[in-house]
PDB file of N, CA and C in Angstrom:
ATOM      1  N   UNK A   1      27.100   1.848  -3.968  1.00  0.00           N
ATOM      2  CA  UNK A   1      25.954   2.491  -3.159  1.00  0.00           C
ATOM      3  C   UNK A   1      24.679   2.245  -3.028  1.00  0.00           C
ATOM      4  N   UNK A   2      24.221   3.070  -2.101  1.00  0.00           N
ATOM      5  CA  UNK A   2      22.938   1.930  -1.725  1.00  0.00           C
ATOM      6  C   UNK A   2      21.403   2.753  -1.650  1.00  0.00           C
ATOM      7  N   UNK A   3      20.498   2.359  -1.677  1.00  0.00           N
ATOM      8  CA  UNK A   3      19.642   3.269  -1.668  1.00  0.00           C
ATOM      9  C   UNK A   3      18.926   2.728  -0.447  1.00  0.00           C
ATOM     10  N   UNK A   4      18.234   3.884   0.400  1.00  0.00           N
ATOM     11  CA  UNK A   4      18.247   3.556   1.973  1.00  0.00           C
ATOM     12  C   UNK A   4      16.409   4.224   2.318  1.00  0.00           C
ATOM     13  N   UNK A   5      15.808   4.095   2.981  1.00  0.00           N
ATOM     14  CA  UNK A   5      15.014   4.635   3.149  1.00  0.00           C
ATOM     15  C   UNK A   5      15.066   6.324   4.176  1.00  0.00           C
ATOM     16  N   UNK A   6      14.627   7.050   3.919  1.00  0.00           N
ATOM     17  CA  UNK A   6      15.343   8.262   5.172  1.00  0.00           C
ATOM     18  C   UNK A   6      15.350   7.917   6.264  1.00  0.00           C
ATOM     19  N   UNK A   7      14.500   7.268   6.917  1.00  0.00           N
ATOM     20  CA  UNK A   7      14.666   6.913   8.005  1.00  0.00           C
ATOM     21  C   UNK A   7      15.180   5.653   8.913  1.00  0.00           C
ATOM     22  N   UNK A   8      16.193   5.087   8.146  1.00  0.00           N
ATOM     23  CA  UNK A   8      17.563   4.606   8.522  1.00  0.00           C
ATOM     24  C   UNK A   8      18.609   5.176   7.809  1.00  0.00           C
ATOM     25  N   UNK A   9      18.322   6.702   7.792  1.00  0.00           N
ATOM     26  CA  UNK A   9      19.463   7.385   7.480  1.00  0.00           C
ATOM     27  C   UNK A   9      20.416   7.838   8.232  1.00  0.00           C
ATOM     28  N   UNK A  10      21.702   7.574   8.603  1.00  0.00           N
ATOM     29  CA  UNK A  10      22.559   8.446   9.952  1.00  0.00           C
ATOM     30  C   UNK A  10      23.133   9.571   9.840  1.00  0.00           C
ATOM     31  N   UNK A  11      23.296  10.789  10.825  1.00  0.00           N
ATOM     32  CA  UNK A  11      24.868  11.476  10.611  1.00  0.00           C
ATOM     33  C   UNK A  11      25.738  10.735   9.974  1.00  0.00           C
ATOM     34  N   UNK A  12      26.332  11.336   9.329  1.00  0.00           N
ATOM     35  CA  UNK A  12      27.835  10.784   8.828  1.00  0.00           C
ATOM     36  C   UNK A  12      27.740  10.278   7.730  1.00  0.00           C
ATOM     37  N   UNK A  13      26.707   9.676   6.985  1.00  0.00           N
ATOM     38  CA  UNK A  13      26.261   9.254   5.791  1.00  0.00           C
ATOM     39  C   UNK A  13      26.695  10.096   4.775  1.00  0.00           C
ATOM     40  N   UNK A  14      27.053   9.660   3.270  1.00  0.00           N
ATOM     41  CA  UNK A  14      27.066  10.533   2.794  1.00  0.00           C
ATOM     42  C   UNK A  14      26.146  10.149   1.243  1.00  0.00           C
ATOM     43  N   UNK A  15      26.136  11.249   0.892  1.00  0.00           N
ATOM     44  CA  UNK A  15      25.012  10.963  -0.691  1.00  0.00           C
ATOM     45  C   UNK A  15      25.793  10.272  -1.505  1.00  0.00           C
ATOM     46  N   UNK A  16      25.606   9.358  -2.301  1.00  0.00           N
ATOM     47  CA  UNK A  16      25.460   8.786  -3.417  1.00  0.00           C
ATOM     48  C   UNK A  16      25.403   9.665  -4.491  1.00  0.00           C
ATOM     49  N   UNK A  17      23.840  10.429  -4.673  1.00  0.00           N
ATOM     50  CA  UNK A  17      23.477  10.806  -5.936  1.00  0.00           C
ATOM     51  C   UNK A  17      22.625  11.887  -5.230  1.00  0.00           C
ATOM     52  N   UNK A  18      22.792  13.205  -6.389  1.00  0.00           N
ATOM     53  CA  UNK A  18      22.162  14.310  -5.712  1.00  0.00           C
ATOM     54  C   UNK A  18      20.322  13.981  -5.157  1.00  0.00           C
ATOM     55  N   UNK A  19      19.828  15.322  -4.405  1.00  0.00           N
ATOM     56  CA  UNK A  19      18.601  15.001  -4.308  1.00  0.00           C
ATOM     57  C   UNK A  19      17.595  16.105  -5.311  1.00  0.00           C
ATOM     58  N   UNK A  20      17.139  15.935  -6.072  1.00  0.00           N
ATOM     59  CA  UNK A  20      16.399  16.464  -6.628  1.00  0.00           C
ATOM     60  C   UNK A  20      15.379  16.759  -6.690  1.00  0.00           C
ATOM     61  N   UNK A  21      14.375  18.294  -7.020  1.00  0.00           N
ATOM     62  CA  UNK A  21      12.721  17.987  -7.052  1.00  0.00           C
ATOM     63  C   UNK A  21      12.330  17.444  -8.292  1.00  0.00           C
ATOM     64  N   UNK A  22      11.050  17.073  -8.299  1.00  0.00           N
ATOM     65  CA  UNK A  22      10.820  16.927  -9.595  1.00  0.00           C
ATOM     66  C   UNK A  22      10.712  17.151 -10.857  1.00  0.00           C
ATOM     67  N   UNK A  23      11.045  18.266 -11.035  1.00  0.00           N
ATOM     68  CA  UNK A  23      11.386  18.752 -12.377  1.00  0.00           C
ATOM     69  C   UNK A  23      13.117  18.438 -12.512  1.00  0.00           C
ATOM     70  N   UNK A  24      13.240  17.504 -11.878  1.00  0.00           N
ATOM     71  CA  UNK A  24      15.134  17.717 -11.765  1.00  0.00           C
ATOM     72  C   UNK A  24      16.441  18.635 -11.496  1.00  0.00           C
ATOM     73  N   UNK A  25      15.555  19.426 -10.965  1.00  0.00           N
ATOM     74  CA  UNK A  25      16.824  20.517 -10.271  1.00  0.00           C
ATOM     75  C   UNK A  25      17.286  19.840  -9.018  1.00  0.00           C
ATOM     76  N   UNK A  26      18.497  19.764  -8.510  1.00  0.00           N
ATOM     77  CA  UNK A  26      19.182  19.373  -7.706  1.00  0.00           C
ATOM     78  C   UNK A  26      18.982  20.267  -6.297  1.00  0.00           C
ATOM     79  N   UNK A  27      18.786  20.154  -5.399  1.00  0.00           N
ATOM     80  CA  UNK A  27      18.522  20.364  -4.287  1.00  0.00           C
ATOM     81  C   UNK A  27      19.796  20.492  -3.019  1.00  0.00           C
ATOM     82  N   UNK A  28      20.365  18.749  -2.944  1.00  0.00           N
ATOM     83  CA  UNK A  28      21.416  18.763  -2.141  1.00  0.00           C
ATOM     84  C   UNK A  28      22.127  18.176  -3.485  1.00  0.00           C
ATOM     85  N   UNK A  29      23.601  18.455  -2.977  1.00  0.00           N
ATOM     86  CA  UNK A  29      24.391  17.605  -4.187  1.00  0.00           C
ATOM     87  C   UNK A  29      25.436  16.193  -3.508  1.00  0.00           C
ATOM     88  N   UNK A  30      25.627  15.274  -4.448  1.00  0.00           N
ATOM     89  CA  UNK A  30      26.232  13.987  -4.000  1.00  0.00           C
ATOM     90  C   UNK A  30      27.344  14.573  -3.373  1.00  0.00           C
ATOM     91  N   UNK A  31      27.964  13.478  -2.543  1.00  0.00           N
ATOM     92  CA  UNK A  31      29.132  13.778  -1.605  1.00  0.00           C
ATOM     93  C   UNK A  31      28.578  14.778  -0.113  1.00  0.00           C
ATOM     94  N   UNK A  32      27.372  15.291  -0.024  1.00  0.00           N
ATOM     95  CA  UNK A  32      27.083  16.349   1.024  1.00  0.00           C
ATOM     96  C   UNK A  32      26.935  14.902   2.310  1.00  0.00           C
ATOM     97  N   UNK A  33      27.579  15.614   3.326  1.00  0.00           N
ATOM     98  CA  UNK A  33      27.493  14.552   4.702  1.00  0.00           C
ATOM     99  C   UNK A  33      25.969  14.757   5.341  1.00  0.00           C
ATOM    100  N   UNK A  34      25.556  13.804   5.577  1.00  0.00           N
ATOM    101  CA  UNK A  34      24.381  14.259   6.198  1.00  0.00           C
ATOM    102  C   UNK A  34      24.585  14.297   7.789  1.00  0.00           C
ATOM    103  N   UNK A  35      23.506  15.171   8.410  1.00  0.00           N
ATOM    104  CA  UNK A  35      23.319  15.608   9.794  1.00  0.00           C
ATOM    105  C   UNK A  35      22.618  15.662  10.639  1.00  0.00           C
ATOM    106  N   UNK A  36      21.938  15.906  11.736  1.00  0.00           N
ATOM    107  CA  UNK A  36      20.371  15.243  11.764  1.00  0.00           C
ATOM    108  C   UNK A  36      20.341  16.169  11.353  1.00  0.00           C
ATOM    109  N   UNK A  37      20.374  17.190  11.484  1.00  0.00           N
ATOM    110  CA  UNK A  37      19.131  18.654  10.855  1.00  0.00           C
ATOM    111  C   UNK A  37      18.920  18.595   8.940  1.00  0.00           C
ATOM    112  N   UNK A  38      20.299  18.472   8.461  1.00  0.00           N
ATOM    113  CA  UNK A  38      20.022  17.787   7.132  1.00  0.00           C
ATOM    114  C   UNK A  38      18.638  16.878   7.264  1.00  0.00           C
ATOM    115  N   UNK A  39      18.491  16.051   8.080  1.00  0.00           N
ATOM    116  CA  UNK A  39      17.917  14.461   7.845  1.00  0.00           C
ATOM    117  C   UNK A  39      16.362  15.369   8.186  1.00  0.00           C
ATOM    118  N   UNK A  40      16.151  16.190   8.951  1.00  0.00           N
ATOM    119  CA  UNK A  40      15.034  16.535   9.290  1.00  0.00           C
ATOM    120  C   UNK A  40      14.418  17.456   8.452  1.00  0.00           C
ATOM    121  N   UNK A  41      14.952  17.936   7.673  1.00  0.00           N
ATOM    122  CA  UNK A  41      15.049  19.017   6.640  1.00  0.00           C
ATOM    123  C   UNK A  41      14.606  18.135   5.431  1.00  0.00           C
ATOM    124  N   UNK A  42      14.894  16.919   5.186  1.00  0.00           N
ATOM    125  CA  UNK A  42      14.739  16.000   3.898  1.00  0.00           C
ATOM    126  C   UNK A  42      13.116  15.611   3.734  1.00  0.00           C
ATOM    127  N   UNK A  43      13.139  14.877   5.528  1.00  0.00           N
ATOM    128  CA  UNK A  43      12.222  14.787   5.805  1.00  0.00           C
ATOM    129  C   UNK A  43      11.121  15.612   6.039  1.00  0.00           C
ATOM    130  N   UNK A  44      11.535  16.887   6.421  1.00  0.00           N
ATOM    131  CA  UNK A  44      10.124  18.025   5.814  1.00  0.00           C
ATOM    132  C   UNK A  44       9.669  18.201   4.504  1.00  0.00           C
ATOM    133  N   UNK A  45      10.745  18.250   3.960  1.00  0.00           N
ATOM    134  CA  UNK A  45      10.414  18.167   1.804  1.00  0.00           C
ATOM    135  C   UNK A  45       9.602  16.916   1.859  1.00  0.00           C
ATOM    136  N   UNK A  46       9.321  15.533   2.550  1.00  0.00           N
ATOM    137  CA  UNK A  46       8.991  14.850   2.073  1.00  0.00           C
ATOM    138  C   UNK A  46       9.639  13.608   0.859  1.00  0.00           C
ATOM    139  N   UNK A  47      11.009  13.866   1.280  1.00  0.00           N
ATOM    140  CA  UNK A  47      11.921  12.579   0.794  1.00  0.00           C
ATOM    141  C   UNK A  47      11.668  11.543   1.497  1.00  0.00           C
ATOM    142  N   UNK A  48      11.393  10.576   0.525  1.00  0.00           N
ATOM    143  CA  UNK A  48      11.194   9.446   1.421  1.00  0.00           C
ATOM    144  C   UNK A  48      12.283   8.502   1.123  1.00  0.00           C
ATOM    145  N   UNK A  49      13.451   8.636   0.913  1.00  0.00           N
ATOM    146  CA  UNK A  49      15.063   7.505   0.267  1.00  0.00           C
ATOM    147  C   UNK A  49      15.568   8.514  -0.286  1.00  0.00           C
ATOM    148  N   UNK A  50      16.834   7.685   0.013  1.00  0.00           N
ATOM    149  CA  UNK A  50      17.955   8.248  -0.602  1.00  0.00           C
ATOM    150  C   UNK A  50      19.134   7.612  -0.903  1.00  0.00           C
ATOM    151  N   UNK A  51      20.005   7.843  -1.591  1.00  0.00           N
ATOM    152  CA  UNK A  51      21.146   7.274  -2.032  1.00  0.00           C
ATOM    153  C   UNK A  51      22.164   7.318  -1.745  1.00  0.00           C
ATOM    154  N   UNK A  52      23.084   6.492  -0.549  1.00  0.00           N
ATOM    155  CA  UNK A  52      24.250   6.515   0.364  1.00  0.00           C
ATOM    156  C   UNK A  52      25.270   6.176  -0.166  1.00  0.00           C
ATOM    157  N   UNK A  53      26.506   6.468   0.254  1.00  0.00           N
ATOM    158  CA  UNK A  53      27.335   5.823  -0.177  1.00  0.00           C
ATOM    159  C   UNK A  53      27.835   4.347   0.128  1.00  0.00           C
ATOM    160  N   UNK A  54      27.813   3.519   0.030  1.00  0.00           N
ATOM    161  CA  UNK A  54      29.307   2.097   0.607  1.00  0.00           C
ATOM    162  C   UNK A  54      27.604   1.576   0.745  1.00  0.00           C
ATOM    163  N   UNK A  55      27.695   0.018   1.625  1.00  0.00           N
ATOM    164  CA  UNK A  55      26.269  -0.326   1.574  1.00  0.00           C
ATOM    165  C   UNK A  55      26.052  -0.430   3.137  1.00  0.00           C
ATOM    166  N   UNK A  56      25.826   0.957   3.450  1.00  0.00           N
ATOM    167  CA  UNK A  56      25.500   1.315   5.218  1.00  0.00           C
ATOM    168  C   UNK A  56      24.624   0.462   5.780  1.00  0.00           C
ATOM    169  N   UNK A  57      23.361   0.112   5.280  1.00  0.00           N
ATOM    170  CA  UNK A  57      22.481  -0.683   6.302  1.00  0.00           C
ATOM    171  C   UNK A  57      23.132  -2.189   6.453  1.00  0.00           C
ATOM    172  N   UNK A  58      23.711  -2.801   5.371  1.00  0.00           N
ATOM    173  CA  UNK A  58      24.035  -4.278   5.465  1.00  0.00           C
ATOM    174  C   UNK A  58      25.364  -3.834   6.703  1.00  0.00           C
ATOM    175  N   UNK A  59      25.733  -2.773   6.465  1.00  0.00           N
ATOM    176  CA  UNK A  59      27.035  -3.018   7.525  1.00  0.00           C
ATOM    177  C   UNK A  59      26.670  -2.568   9.289  1.00  0.00           C
ATOM    178  N   UNK A  60      25.308  -1.710   9.294  1.00  0.00           N
ATOM    179  CA  UNK A  60      24.338  -1.806  10.504  1.00  0.00           C
ATOM    180  C   UNK A  60      23.916  -3.264  11.093  1.00  0.00           C
ATOM    181  N   UNK A  61      23.953  -3.984  10.311  1.00  0.00           N
ATOM    182  CA  UNK A  61      22.969  -5.368  11.317  1.00  0.00           C
ATOM    183  C   UNK A  61      24.400  -6.808  10.096  1.00  0.00           C
ATOM    184  N   UNK A  62      24.323  -7.559  11.055  1.00  0.00           N
ATOM    185  CA  UNK A  62      24.846  -8.497  11.105  1.00  0.00           C
ATOM    186  C   UNK A  62      23.587  -9.733  10.695  1.00  0.00           C
ATOM    187  N   UNK A  63      23.934 -10.442  10.078  1.00  0.00           N
ATOM    188  CA  UNK A  63      23.142 -11.782   9.153  1.00  0.00           C
ATOM    189  C   UNK A  63      22.039 -12.688  10.533  1.00  0.00           C
ATOM    190  N   UNK A  64      22.626 -12.829  11.470  1.00  0.00           N
ATOM    191  CA  UNK A  64      22.056 -13.309  12.920  1.00  0.00           C
ATOM    192  C   UNK A  64      21.312 -12.212  13.393  1.00  0.00           C
ATOM    193  N   UNK A  65      21.464 -11.131  13.651  1.00  0.00           N
ATOM    194  CA  UNK A  65      20.399 -10.101  13.603  1.00  0.00           C
ATOM    195  C   UNK A  65      18.842  -9.808  12.739  1.00  0.00           C
ATOM    196  N   UNK A  66      19.578 -10.404  11.268  1.00  0.00           N
ATOM    197  CA  UNK A  66      18.891 -10.071  10.257  1.00  0.00           C
ATOM    198  C   UNK A  66      17.489 -11.196  10.326  1.00  0.00           C
ATOM    199  N   UNK A  67      18.060 -12.409  11.019  1.00  0.00           N
ATOM    200  CA  UNK A  67      17.316 -13.786  11.123  1.00  0.00           C
ATOM    201  C   UNK A  67      16.284 -13.878  12.444  1.00  0.00           C
ATOM    202  N   UNK A  68      16.705 -12.727  13.552  1.00  0.00           N
ATOM    203  CA  UNK A  68      15.774 -12.969  14.562  1.00  0.00           C
ATOM    204  C   UNK A  68      14.868 -11.737  14.064  1.00  0.00           C
ATOM    205  N   UNK A  69      14.979 -10.641  13.323  1.00  0.00           N
ATOM    206  CA  UNK A  69      14.259  -9.651  13.034  1.00  0.00           C
ATOM    207  C   UNK A  69      12.723 -10.411  11.972  1.00  0.00           C
ATOM    208  N   UNK A  70      12.816 -11.814  11.550  1.00  0.00           N
ATOM    209  CA  UNK A  70      11.899 -11.893  10.776  1.00  0.00           C
ATOM    210  C   UNK A  70      10.701 -12.149  10.618  1.00  0.00           C
ATOM    211  N   UNK A  71      10.769 -12.847  12.211  1.00  0.00           N
ATOM    212  CA  UNK A  71       8.964 -12.930  12.645  1.00  0.00           C
ATOM    213  C   UNK A  71       8.417 -11.895  13.015  1.00  0.00           C
ATOM    214  N   UNK A  72       8.812 -10.836  13.699  1.00  0.00           N
ATOM    215  CA  UNK A  72       8.246  -9.664  13.664  1.00  0.00           C
ATOM    216  C   UNK A  72       7.699  -9.010  11.881  1.00  0.00           C
ATOM    217  N   UNK A  73       8.486  -9.046  11.378  1.00  0.00           N
ATOM    218  CA  UNK A  73       8.236  -8.763  10.221  1.00  0.00           C
ATOM    219  C   UNK A  73       7.196  -9.199   8.903  1.00  0.00           C
ATOM    220  N   UNK A  74       7.216 -10.867   9.547  1.00  0.00           N
ATOM    221  CA  UNK A  74       6.340 -11.678   8.543  1.00  0.00           C
ATOM    222  C   UNK A  74       4.796 -12.406   9.798  1.00  0.00           C
ATOM    223  N   UNK A  75       5.230 -11.265  10.439  1.00  0.00           N
ATOM    224  CA  UNK A  75       4.301 -11.908  11.827  1.00  0.00           C
ATOM    225  C   UNK A  75       2.682 -11.792  11.386  1.00  0.00           C
ATOM    226  N   UNK A  76       2.228 -11.232  10.502  1.00  0.00           N
ATOM    227  CA  UNK A  76       0.688 -10.788   9.705  1.00  0.00           C
ATOM    228  C   UNK A  76       0.672 -11.691   8.396  1.00  0.00           C
ATOM    229  N   UNK A  77       1.502 -12.821   8.104  1.00  0.00           N
ATOM    230  CA  UNK A  77       1.736 -12.844   6.791  1.00  0.00           C
ATOM    231  C   UNK A  77       1.811 -14.363   6.942  1.00  0.00           C
ATOM    232  N   UNK A  78       1.507 -14.916   8.145  1.00  0.00           N
ATOM    233  CA  UNK A  78       1.211 -16.464   8.438  1.00  0.00           C
ATOM    234  C   UNK A  78       0.840 -17.126   8.017  1.00  0.00           C
ATOM    235  N   UNK A  79      -0.287 -16.926   7.621  1.00  0.00           N
ATOM    236  CA  UNK A  79      -1.519 -17.514   6.613  1.00  0.00           C
ATOM    237  C   UNK A  79      -0.957 -17.856   5.394  1.00  0.00           C
ATOM    238  N   UNK A  80      -0.004 -16.792   4.871  1.00  0.00           N
ATOM    239  CA  UNK A  80       0.011 -16.982   2.913  1.00  0.00           C
ATOM    240  C   UNK A  80       1.239 -17.958   3.079  1.00  0.00           C
ATOM    241  N   UNK A  81       0.654 -19.172   2.098  1.00  0.00           N
ATOM    242  CA  UNK A  81       1.822 -19.752   1.474  1.00  0.00           C
ATOM    243  C   UNK A  81       3.072 -19.516   0.638  1.00  0.00           C
ATOM    244  N   UNK A  82       3.171 -18.564   0.021  1.00  0.00           N
ATOM    245  CA  UNK A  82       4.202 -17.641  -0.271  1.00  0.00           C
ATOM    246  C   UNK A  82       4.663 -17.379   0.470  1.00  0.00           C
ATOM    247  N   UNK A  83       4.397 -15.984   1.260  1.00  0.00           N
ATOM    248  CA  UNK A  83       4.758 -15.355   1.974  1.00  0.00           C
ATOM    249  C   UNK A  83       5.877 -16.441   2.997  1.00  0.00           C
ATOM    250  N   UNK A  84       5.143 -17.506   2.889  1.00  0.00           N
ATOM    251  CA  UNK A  84       6.230 -18.439   4.195  1.00  0.00           C
ATOM    252  C   UNK A  84       7.363 -18.828   3.885  1.00  0.00           C
ATOM    253  N   UNK A  85       7.306 -19.147   2.604  1.00  0.00           N
ATOM    254  CA  UNK A  85       8.209 -19.314   1.369  1.00  0.00           C
ATOM    255  C   UNK A  85       9.198 -18.194   0.645  1.00  0.00           C
ATOM    256  N   UNK A  86       9.357 -17.391   1.426  1.00  0.00           N
ATOM    257  CA  UNK A  86       9.953 -16.290   1.353  1.00  0.00           C
ATOM    258  C   UNK A  86      10.665 -16.246   2.673  1.00  0.00           C
ATOM    259  N   UNK A  87       9.971 -15.998   3.639  1.00  0.00           N
ATOM    260  CA  UNK A  87      10.585 -15.947   5.067  1.00  0.00           C
ATOM    261  C   UNK A  87      11.383 -17.473   5.134  1.00  0.00           C
ATOM    262  N   UNK A  88      10.786 -18.200   4.645  1.00  0.00           N
ATOM    263  CA  UNK A  88      11.868 -19.210   4.395  1.00  0.00           C
ATOM    264  C   UNK A  88      13.268 -19.145   4.138  1.00  0.00           C
ATOM    265  N   UNK A  89      13.441 -18.961   2.750  1.00  0.00           N
ATOM    266  CA  UNK A  89      14.626 -18.264   1.977  1.00  0.00           C
ATOM    267  C   UNK A  89      14.950 -17.601   2.465  1.00  0.00           C
ATOM    268  N   UNK A  90      15.043 -16.642   2.871  1.00  0.00           N
ATOM    269  CA  UNK A  90      15.259 -15.715   3.517  1.00  0.00           C
ATOM    270  C   UNK A  90      16.048 -16.272   5.321  1.00  0.00           C
ATOM    271  N   UNK A  91      15.390 -16.655   5.848  1.00  0.00           N
ATOM    272  CA  UNK A  91      15.943 -17.331   7.161  1.00  0.00           C
ATOM    273  C   UNK A  91      17.112 -18.073   6.199  1.00  0.00           C
ATOM    274  N   UNK A  92      17.360 -19.275   5.956  1.00  0.00           N
ATOM    275  CA  UNK A  92      18.282 -19.726   5.011  1.00  0.00           C
ATOM    276  C   UNK A  92      19.160 -18.859   4.737  1.00  0.00           C
ATOM    277  N   UNK A  93      19.207 -18.333   3.757  1.00  0.00           N
ATOM    278  CA  UNK A  93      19.864 -17.041   3.015  1.00  0.00           C
ATOM    279  C   UNK A  93      20.700 -16.211   4.634  1.00  0.00           C
ATOM    280  N   UNK A  94      20.115 -15.175   4.940  1.00  0.00           N
ATOM    281  CA  UNK A  94      20.970 -14.834   6.285  1.00  0.00           C
ATOM    282  C   UNK A  94      21.805 -16.083   7.880  1.00  0.00           C
ATOM    283  N   UNK A  95      20.848 -17.196   7.630  1.00  0.00           N
ATOM    284  CA  UNK A  95      22.190 -18.039   8.721  1.00  0.00           C
ATOM    285  C   UNK A  95      23.120 -18.557   7.531  1.00  0.00           C
ATOM    286  N   UNK A  96      23.242 -18.828   6.677  1.00  0.00           N
ATOM    287  CA  UNK A  96      24.672 -19.453   5.347  1.00  0.00           C
ATOM    288  C   UNK A  96      25.407 -17.843   5.606  1.00  0.00           C
ATOM    289  N   UNK A  97      24.662 -16.657   5.194  1.00  0.00           N
ATOM    290  CA  UNK A  97      25.381 -15.510   5.207  1.00  0.00           C
ATOM    291  C   UNK A  97      26.218 -15.553   6.923  1.00  0.00           C
ATOM    292  N   UNK A  98      25.429 -15.732   7.927  1.00  0.00           N
ATOM    293  CA  UNK A  98      25.829 -15.775   9.133  1.00  0.00           C
ATOM    294  C   UNK A  98      27.013 -16.603   9.609  1.00  0.00           C
ATOM    295  N   UNK A  99      27.228 -17.569   8.888  1.00  0.00           N
ATOM    296  CA  UNK A  99      27.900 -18.915   9.043  1.00  0.00           C
ATOM    297  C   UNK A  99      29.045 -18.664   8.323  1.00  0.00           C
ATOM    298  N   UNK A 100      28.865 -18.038   6.739  1.00  0.00           N
ATOM    299  CA  UNK A 100      30.020 -17.544   6.236  1.00  0.00           C
ATOM    300  C   UNK A 100      30.818 -16.534   6.695  1.00  0.00           C
ATOM    301  N   UNK A 101      30.202 -15.094   7.031  1.00  0.00           N
ATOM    302  CA  UNK A 101      31.070 -14.994   7.905  1.00  0.00           C
ATOM    303  C   UNK A 101      31.571 -14.750   9.528  1.00  0.00           C
ATOM    304  N   UNK A 102      31.153 -15.774  10.314  1.00  0.00           N
ATOM    305  CA  UNK A 102      32.009 -15.975  11.263  1.00  0.00           C
ATOM    306  C   UNK A 102      32.917 -17.426  10.826  1.00  0.00           C
ATOM    307  N   UNK A 103      32.794 -17.458   9.600  1.00  0.00           N
ATOM    308  CA  UNK A 103      33.678 -18.530   9.181  1.00  0.00           C
ATOM    309  C   UNK A 103      35.021 -17.668   8.948  1.00  0.00           C
ATOM    310  N   UNK A 104      34.743 -16.828   8.213  1.00  0.00           N
ATOM    311  CA  UNK A 104      35.882 -15.779   7.027  1.00  0.00           C
ATOM    312  C   UNK A 104      36.597 -14.701   8.583  1.00  0.00           C
ATOM    313  N   UNK A 105      35.823 -14.787   9.775  1.00  0.00           N
ATOM    314  CA  UNK A 105      36.074 -13.588  10.600  1.00  0.00           C
ATOM    315  C   UNK A 105      37.367 -15.057  11.383  1.00  0.00           C
ATOM    316  N   UNK A 106      37.121 -15.665  11.825  1.00  0.00           N
ATOM    317  CA  UNK A 106      38.068 -17.407  12.618  1.00  0.00           C
ATOM    318  C   UNK A 106      39.279 -17.501  11.816  1.00  0.00           C
ATOM    319  N   UNK A 107      38.949 -17.256  10.311  1.00  0.00           N
ATOM    320  CA  UNK A 107      40.108 -17.341   9.324  1.00  0.00           C
ATOM    321  C   UNK A 107      41.208 -16.183   9.691  1.00  0.00           C
ATOM    322  N   UNK A 108      40.599 -14.925   9.742  1.00  0.00           N
ATOM    323  CA  UNK A 108      40.902 -14.174   9.536  1.00  0.00           C
ATOM    324  C   UNK A 108      42.443 -13.662  10.873  1.00  0.00           C
ATOM    325  N   UNK A 109      41.132 -14.139  11.699  1.00  0.00           N
ATOM    326  CA  UNK A 109      41.986 -14.068  13.524  1.00  0.00           C
ATOM    327  C   UNK A 109      42.848 -14.971  13.174  1.00  0.00           C
ATOM    328  N   UNK A 110      43.118 -16.152  12.407  1.00  0.00           N
ATOM    329  CA  UNK A 110      44.238 -17.007  12.816  1.00  0.00           C
ATOM    330  C   UNK A 110      45.379 -17.341  11.623  1.00  0.00           C
ATOM    331  N   UNK A 111      45.103 -16.142  10.445  1.00  0.00           N
ATOM    332  CA  UNK A 111      45.815 -15.576   9.624  1.00  0.00           C
ATOM    333  C   UNK A 111      46.715 -15.177   9.946  1.00  0.00           C
TER     334      UNK A 111
END
């Protein structure tokens, strides 16, 4: 299960938790498959985040793509020493993750 911004929701993803009103009354049940029209309706209702089944966002981006996105994401924070460290840690993590995924893929191909 993963909580994602509605902007990353794609048709075919399934809700892991029901979407409820502020008072707790369910609007859409868990297990419902998202469609373009349902995503548009949720956006119109002001819903900005949803819980979906699985690891939908991580599956859609490999670690090397994430490394390439760090520079644009941190472009306005280059003068902040703390944010520079955070960016460095993320770059290191995603680089290691990409190498591990590549090693795992080559091991599976050989096996």
